Amino acid sequence: MSRGLGPLQLDILDVVSESPRGLMSWRELKMRFPLRLRHHSLHRSVRGLIRRGRLREVWTKDNKRWLAYRRAPGTLSYEDRALLESGSEVLRLLKLACKARRVEPPPVVEELQANMDAYRRMLQDAE
């Protein structure tokens, strides 16, 4: 029975996801977690993440091992999440201002809401 990701696995995902293009060489990862490497828990954690599909191994032509980050299915990237949250906040403030002035919101509000919902569905379907 799985209990979810452990603290080391979460740290590994954070480090790899924050690296440029979501790629990190195995050598860089070993330098980031030297103590865990010595106790072999780094290898176990990476194997578990690969098995779960959260990391992917990439081998180069010169036999160097890289790890590629994969987002969990159904989750959004930080940038997409920030865009959707800021758009929702703008719509909420616009509706609040219209309510305070006792006027009807402009028709563009429903159109913007529909576009944001379509964008959210598109991102989740692309997973």
N, C-alpha and C. Protein backbone atom coordinates (compact mmCIF):
# COMPACT_ATOMS: atom_id res chain seq x y z
N MET A 1 0.85 -1.18 0.00
CA MET A 1 0.00 0.00 0.00
C MET A 1 0.89 1.24 0.00
N SER A 2 0.59 2.14 -0.90
CA SER A 2 1.40 3.35 -1.03
C SER A 2 0.93 4.42 -0.06
N ARG A 3 1.87 5.12 0.50
CA ARG A 3 1.54 6.22 1.42
C ARG A 3 1.83 7.57 0.81
N GLY A 4 2.11 7.61 -0.48
CA GLY A 4 2.42 8.88 -1.12
C GLY A 4 3.92 9.10 -1.17
N LEU A 5 4.29 10.25 -1.61
CA LEU A 5 5.71 10.57 -1.76
C LEU A 5 6.33 10.92 -0.41
N GLY A 6 7.59 10.50 -0.24
CA GLY A 6 8.31 10.80 0.99
C GLY A 6 8.98 12.17 0.91
N PRO A 7 9.53 12.64 2.02
CA PRO A 7 10.17 13.95 2.04
C PRO A 7 11.34 14.08 1.07
N LEU A 8 12.16 13.02 0.95
CA LEU A 8 13.28 13.07 0.02
C LEU A 8 12.78 13.10 -1.42
N GLN A 9 11.74 12.33 -1.72
CA GLN A 9 11.18 12.34 -3.07
C GLN A 9 10.61 13.71 -3.42
N LEU A 10 9.97 14.35 -2.48
CA LEU A 10 9.44 15.69 -2.73
C LEU A 10 10.58 16.68 -2.95
N ASP A 11 11.67 16.54 -2.18
CA ASP A 11 12.84 17.41 -2.37
C ASP A 11 13.46 17.20 -3.75
N ILE A 12 13.54 15.94 -4.17
CA ILE A 12 14.10 15.64 -5.49
C ILE A 12 13.24 16.26 -6.58
N LEU A 13 11.94 16.12 -6.47
CA LEU A 13 11.04 16.71 -7.47
C LEU A 13 11.18 18.22 -7.50
N ASP A 14 11.30 18.85 -6.34
CA ASP A 14 11.48 20.31 -6.30
C ASP A 14 12.76 20.72 -7.01
N VAL A 15 13.84 20.02 -6.72
CA VAL A 15 15.15 20.37 -7.29
C VAL A 15 15.12 20.18 -8.81
N VAL A 16 14.60 19.06 -9.28
CA VAL A 16 14.59 18.78 -10.71
C VAL A 16 13.63 19.72 -11.45
N SER A 17 12.47 19.99 -10.86
CA SER A 17 11.49 20.84 -11.54
C SER A 17 11.96 22.29 -11.63
N GLU A 18 12.78 22.74 -10.68
CA GLU A 18 13.27 24.11 -10.70
C GLU A 18 14.51 24.29 -11.56
N SER A 19 15.07 23.20 -12.04
CA SER A 19 16.24 23.30 -12.90
C SER A 19 15.80 23.75 -14.30
N PRO A 20 16.71 24.29 -15.09
CA PRO A 20 16.35 24.76 -16.42
C PRO A 20 15.78 23.62 -17.27
N ARG A 21 14.66 23.88 -17.89
CA ARG A 21 13.94 22.95 -18.77
C ARG A 21 13.48 21.68 -18.05
N GLY A 22 13.52 21.66 -16.74
CA GLY A 22 13.07 20.48 -16.00
C GLY A 22 13.98 19.28 -16.17
N LEU A 23 15.25 19.53 -16.50
CA LEU A 23 16.23 18.47 -16.67
C LEU A 23 17.38 18.65 -15.69
N MET A 24 17.88 17.53 -15.16
CA MET A 24 19.03 17.60 -14.28
C MET A 24 19.86 16.34 -14.48
N SER A 25 21.15 16.52 -14.56
CA SER A 25 22.01 15.35 -14.72
C SER A 25 22.08 14.60 -13.40
N TRP A 26 22.34 13.30 -13.52
CA TRP A 26 22.44 12.46 -12.33
C TRP A 26 23.60 12.95 -11.46
N ARG A 27 24.67 13.43 -12.09
CA ARG A 27 25.83 13.94 -11.35
C ARG A 27 25.43 15.16 -10.50
N GLU A 28 24.66 16.08 -11.08
CA GLU A 28 24.21 17.26 -10.32
C GLU A 28 23.33 16.86 -9.15
N LEU A 29 22.45 15.89 -9.39
CA LEU A 29 21.55 15.44 -8.32
C LEU A 29 22.35 14.81 -7.19
N LYS A 30 23.36 14.04 -7.51
CA LYS A 30 24.20 13.43 -6.47
C LYS A 30 24.94 14.48 -5.67
N MET A 31 25.36 15.56 -6.33
CA MET A 31 26.05 16.63 -5.60
C MET A 31 25.10 17.37 -4.67
N ARG A 32 23.81 17.44 -5.03
CA ARG A 32 22.84 18.14 -4.18
C ARG A 32 22.49 17.35 -2.92
N PHE A 33 22.57 16.01 -2.98
CA PHE A 33 22.20 15.16 -1.86
C PHE A 33 23.32 14.16 -1.53
N PRO A 34 24.49 14.65 -1.09
CA PRO A 34 25.62 13.73 -0.88
C PRO A 34 25.39 12.72 0.25
N LEU A 35 24.77 13.14 1.33
CA LEU A 35 24.55 12.22 2.45
C LEU A 35 23.56 11.13 2.07
N ARG A 36 22.51 11.51 1.37
CA ARG A 36 21.50 10.53 0.93
C ARG A 36 22.10 9.55 -0.06
N LEU A 37 23.05 10.02 -0.85
CA LEU A 37 23.72 9.15 -1.81
C LEU A 37 24.51 8.07 -1.09
N ARG A 38 25.20 8.46 -0.02
CA ARG A 38 26.01 7.52 0.73
C ARG A 38 25.16 6.42 1.35
N HIS A 39 23.92 6.74 1.74
CA HIS A 39 23.05 5.76 2.38
C HIS A 39 22.15 5.04 1.37
N HIS A 40 22.34 5.29 0.10
CA HIS A 40 21.61 4.66 -1.00
C HIS A 40 20.12 5.02 -1.03
N SER A 41 19.68 5.93 -0.17
CA SER A 41 18.26 6.31 -0.21
C SER A 41 17.96 7.20 -1.43
N LEU A 42 18.97 7.88 -1.97
CA LEU A 42 18.75 8.68 -3.17
C LEU A 42 18.38 7.78 -4.35
N HIS A 43 19.09 6.68 -4.49
CA HIS A 43 18.80 5.74 -5.57
C HIS A 43 17.40 5.16 -5.43
N ARG A 44 17.03 4.76 -4.22
CA ARG A 44 15.69 4.21 -3.98
C ARG A 44 14.61 5.24 -4.29
N SER A 45 14.83 6.47 -3.86
CA SER A 45 13.83 7.52 -4.08
C SER A 45 13.66 7.82 -5.56
N VAL A 46 14.77 7.91 -6.29
CA VAL A 46 14.69 8.17 -7.73
C VAL A 46 14.01 7.01 -8.44
N ARG A 47 14.36 5.77 -8.07
CA ARG A 47 13.69 4.61 -8.68
C ARG A 47 12.18 4.65 -8.45
N GLY A 48 11.79 5.02 -7.24
CA GLY A 48 10.36 5.11 -6.93
C GLY A 48 9.67 6.20 -7.75
N LEU A 49 10.34 7.33 -7.94
CA LEU A 49 9.76 8.42 -8.73
C LEU A 49 9.65 8.03 -10.21
N ILE A 50 10.63 7.29 -10.69
CA ILE A 50 10.56 6.81 -12.08
C ILE A 50 9.42 5.81 -12.22
N ARG A 51 9.29 4.91 -11.26
CA ARG A 51 8.22 3.92 -11.29
C ARG A 51 6.84 4.58 -11.26
N ARG A 52 6.71 5.66 -10.50
CA ARG A 52 5.43 6.37 -10.41
C ARG A 52 5.18 7.27 -11.62
N GLY A 53 6.20 7.47 -12.45
CA GLY A 53 6.04 8.31 -13.62
C GLY A 53 6.27 9.78 -13.37
N ARG A 54 6.82 10.15 -12.22
CA ARG A 54 7.05 11.55 -11.91
C ARG A 54 8.40 12.03 -12.43
N LEU A 55 9.33 11.11 -12.66
CA LEU A 55 10.61 11.41 -13.30
C LEU A 55 10.78 10.46 -14.47
N ARG A 56 11.56 10.89 -15.43
CA ARG A 56 11.86 10.06 -16.59
C ARG A 56 13.36 10.07 -16.79
N GLU A 57 13.92 8.91 -17.07
CA GLU A 57 15.35 8.81 -17.33
C GLU A 57 15.62 9.11 -18.80
N VAL A 58 16.64 9.91 -19.05
CA VAL A 58 17.06 10.22 -20.42
C VAL A 58 18.55 9.93 -20.50
N TRP A 59 18.92 9.12 -21.47
CA TRP A 59 20.33 8.79 -21.67
C TRP A 59 20.82 9.52 -22.90
N THR A 60 21.97 10.16 -22.79
CA THR A 60 22.54 10.87 -23.93
C THR A 60 23.41 9.90 -24.74
N LYS A 61 23.89 10.37 -25.89
CA LYS A 61 24.72 9.52 -26.75
C LYS A 61 26.02 9.12 -26.08
N ASP A 62 26.53 9.96 -25.20
CA ASP A 62 27.78 9.63 -24.51
C ASP A 62 27.52 8.94 -23.16
N ASN A 63 26.36 8.29 -23.04
CA ASN A 63 25.97 7.50 -21.87
C ASN A 63 25.91 8.29 -20.57
N LYS A 64 25.48 9.54 -20.65
CA LYS A 64 25.24 10.32 -19.44
C LYS A 64 23.76 10.22 -19.09
N ARG A 65 23.49 10.09 -17.81
CA ARG A 65 22.14 9.89 -17.33
C ARG A 65 21.56 11.22 -16.87
N TRP A 66 20.41 11.58 -17.42
CA TRP A 66 19.69 12.78 -17.03
C TRP A 66 18.32 12.38 -16.50
N LEU A 67 17.78 13.22 -15.64
CA LEU A 67 16.44 13.00 -15.12
C LEU A 67 15.55 14.15 -15.59
N ALA A 68 14.40 13.81 -16.13
CA ALA A 68 13.45 14.80 -16.63
C ALA A 68 12.22 14.80 -15.73
N TYR A 69 11.77 15.99 -15.37
CA TYR A 69 10.61 16.15 -14.49
C TYR A 69 9.33 15.96 -15.29
N ARG A 70 8.38 15.25 -14.71
CA ARG A 70 7.05 15.11 -15.30
C ARG A 70 6.03 15.53 -14.25
N ARG A 71 5.16 16.47 -14.64
CA ARG A 71 4.11 16.89 -13.70
C ARG A 71 3.14 15.75 -13.46
N ALA A 72 2.54 15.76 -12.29
CA ALA A 72 1.53 14.75 -11.99
C ALA A 72 0.31 15.00 -12.89
N PRO A 73 -0.35 13.94 -13.33
CA PRO A 73 -1.53 14.13 -14.17
C PRO A 73 -2.60 14.95 -13.44
N GLY A 74 -3.21 15.85 -14.17
CA GLY A 74 -4.26 16.67 -13.58
C GLY A 74 -3.77 17.89 -12.84
N THR A 75 -2.46 18.12 -12.82
CA THR A 75 -1.94 19.31 -12.15
C THR A 75 -1.49 20.33 -13.20
N LEU A 76 -1.45 21.56 -12.80
CA LEU A 76 -1.05 22.64 -13.70
C LEU A 76 0.32 23.16 -13.31
N SER A 77 1.02 23.71 -14.28
CA SER A 77 2.32 24.31 -13.97
C SER A 77 2.10 25.58 -13.16
N TYR A 78 3.17 26.05 -12.54
CA TYR A 78 3.08 27.26 -11.73
C TYR A 78 2.59 28.44 -12.55
N GLU A 79 3.11 28.57 -13.77
CA GLU A 79 2.74 29.71 -14.62
C GLU A 79 1.27 29.66 -15.02
N ASP A 80 0.79 28.47 -15.40
CA ASP A 80 -0.62 28.33 -15.78
C ASP A 80 -1.53 28.60 -14.59
N ARG A 81 -1.13 28.08 -13.44
CA ARG A 81 -1.94 28.28 -12.23
C ARG A 81 -1.99 29.76 -11.85
N ALA A 82 -0.85 30.46 -11.97
CA ALA A 82 -0.81 31.88 -11.65
C ALA A 82 -1.66 32.69 -12.61
N LEU A 83 -1.61 32.34 -13.90
CA LEU A 83 -2.43 33.03 -14.88
C LEU A 83 -3.92 32.86 -14.60
N LEU A 84 -4.33 31.64 -14.30
CA LEU A 84 -5.74 31.39 -14.02
C LEU A 84 -6.19 32.07 -12.73
N GLU A 85 -5.33 32.06 -11.71
CA GLU A 85 -5.69 32.71 -10.45
C GLU A 85 -5.79 34.22 -10.62
N SER A 86 -4.88 34.83 -11.36
CA SER A 86 -4.95 36.28 -11.55
C SER A 86 -6.16 36.66 -12.38
N GLY A 87 -6.48 35.84 -13.40
CA GLY A 87 -7.68 36.12 -14.19
C GLY A 87 -8.94 36.00 -13.35
N SER A 88 -9.01 35.01 -12.49
CA SER A 88 -10.17 34.84 -11.61
C SER A 88 -10.29 36.01 -10.64
N GLU A 89 -9.16 36.48 -10.15
CA GLU A 89 -9.16 37.61 -9.22
C GLU A 89 -9.65 38.88 -9.91
N VAL A 90 -9.21 39.10 -11.15
CA VAL A 90 -9.67 40.28 -11.91
C VAL A 90 -11.18 40.23 -12.12
N LEU A 91 -11.67 39.06 -12.50
CA LEU A 91 -13.12 38.92 -12.70
C LEU A 91 -13.89 39.14 -11.40
N ARG A 92 -13.37 38.62 -10.30
CA ARG A 92 -14.04 38.79 -9.01
C ARG A 92 -14.10 40.27 -8.63
N LEU A 93 -12.98 40.98 -8.82
CA LEU A 93 -12.95 42.41 -8.48
C LEU A 93 -13.88 43.22 -9.38
N LEU A 94 -13.95 42.86 -10.66
CA LEU A 94 -14.83 43.56 -11.58
C LEU A 94 -16.29 43.36 -11.18
N LYS A 95 -16.65 42.14 -10.83
CA LYS A 95 -18.02 41.87 -10.39
C LYS A 95 -18.32 42.59 -9.08
N LEU A 96 -17.35 42.63 -8.19
CA LEU A 96 -17.53 43.32 -6.91
C LEU A 96 -17.73 44.83 -7.11
N ALA A 97 -16.94 45.42 -8.02
CA ALA A 97 -17.08 46.85 -8.31
C ALA A 97 -18.44 47.15 -8.93
N CYS A 98 -18.89 46.30 -9.82
CA CYS A 98 -20.21 46.50 -10.43
C CYS A 98 -21.33 46.40 -9.38
N LYS A 99 -21.17 45.45 -8.48
CA LYS A 99 -22.17 45.29 -7.43
C LYS A 99 -22.18 46.50 -6.50
N ALA A 100 -21.00 47.03 -6.17
CA ALA A 100 -20.91 48.19 -5.29
C ALA A 100 -21.54 49.42 -5.93
N ARG A 101 -21.41 49.55 -7.22
CA ARG A 101 -21.99 50.70 -7.93
C ARG A 101 -23.42 50.45 -8.37
N ARG A 102 -23.91 49.24 -8.08
CA ARG A 102 -25.28 48.84 -8.42
C ARG A 102 -25.55 48.94 -9.93
N VAL A 103 -24.59 48.44 -10.70
CA VAL A 103 -24.76 48.36 -12.16
C VAL A 103 -24.56 46.91 -12.59
N GLU A 104 -25.09 46.60 -13.74
CA GLU A 104 -24.92 45.25 -14.28
C GLU A 104 -23.49 45.09 -14.80
N PRO A 105 -22.89 43.93 -14.58
CA PRO A 105 -21.56 43.70 -15.15
C PRO A 105 -21.63 43.70 -16.68
N PRO A 106 -20.61 44.18 -17.34
CA PRO A 106 -20.63 44.19 -18.80
C PRO A 106 -20.67 42.76 -19.35
N PRO A 107 -21.18 42.58 -20.56
CA PRO A 107 -21.30 41.23 -21.13
C PRO A 107 -19.94 40.54 -21.33
N VAL A 108 -18.90 41.32 -21.36
CA VAL A 108 -17.58 40.73 -21.57
C VAL A 108 -17.17 39.85 -20.38
N VAL A 109 -17.78 40.04 -19.21
CA VAL A 109 -17.42 39.25 -18.02
C VAL A 109 -17.73 37.78 -18.25
N GLU A 110 -18.91 37.48 -18.78
CA GLU A 110 -19.27 36.07 -19.03
C GLU A 110 -18.36 35.47 -20.10
N GLU A 111 -18.02 36.28 -21.10
CA GLU A 111 -17.15 35.80 -22.16
C GLU A 111 -15.75 35.48 -21.61
N LEU A 112 -15.23 36.36 -20.74
CA LEU A 112 -13.93 36.12 -20.13
C LEU A 112 -13.95 34.87 -19.24
N GLN A 113 -15.03 34.71 -18.50
CA GLN A 113 -15.16 33.53 -17.64
C GLN A 113 -15.20 32.26 -18.48
N ALA A 114 -15.94 32.29 -19.56
CA ALA A 114 -16.02 31.12 -20.45
C ALA A 114 -14.66 30.82 -21.07
N ASN A 115 -13.93 31.86 -21.47
CA ASN A 115 -12.60 31.65 -22.05
C ASN A 115 -11.62 31.06 -21.03
N MET A 116 -11.69 31.53 -19.79
CA MET A 116 -10.81 30.99 -18.75
C MET A 116 -11.15 29.53 -18.45
N ASP A 117 -12.43 29.20 -18.42
CA ASP A 117 -12.83 27.81 -18.19
C ASP A 117 -12.37 26.92 -19.34
N ALA A 118 -12.48 27.42 -20.57
CA ALA A 118 -12.03 26.65 -21.73
C ALA A 118 -10.51 26.44 -21.68
N TYR A 119 -9.78 27.47 -21.27
CA TYR A 119 -8.32 27.36 -21.15
C TYR A 119 -7.95 26.34 -20.09
N ARG A 120 -8.64 26.36 -18.97
CA ARG A 120 -8.37 25.39 -17.89
C ARG A 120 -8.64 23.97 -18.38
N ARG A 121 -9.75 23.75 -19.08
CA ARG A 121 -10.07 22.42 -19.60
C ARG A 121 -9.03 21.97 -20.63
N MET A 122 -8.59 22.90 -21.48
CA MET A 122 -7.59 22.58 -22.49
C MET A 122 -6.28 22.13 -21.83
N LEU A 123 -5.87 22.82 -20.77
CA LEU A 123 -4.64 22.45 -20.09
C LEU A 123 -4.75 21.07 -19.42
N GLN A 124 -5.90 20.81 -18.83
CA GLN A 124 -6.07 19.53 -18.15
C GLN A 124 -6.24 18.39 -19.14
N ASP A 125 -6.83 18.64 -20.29
CA ASP A 125 -6.98 17.60 -21.30
C ASP A 125 -5.66 17.29 -21.99
N ALA A 126 -4.74 18.26 -22.00
CA ALA A 126 -3.45 18.06 -22.66
C ALA A 126 -2.56 17.11 -21.87
N GLU A 127 -2.87 16.88 -20.62
CA GLU A 127 -2.05 16.02 -19.76
C GLU A 127 -2.06 14.61 -20.23
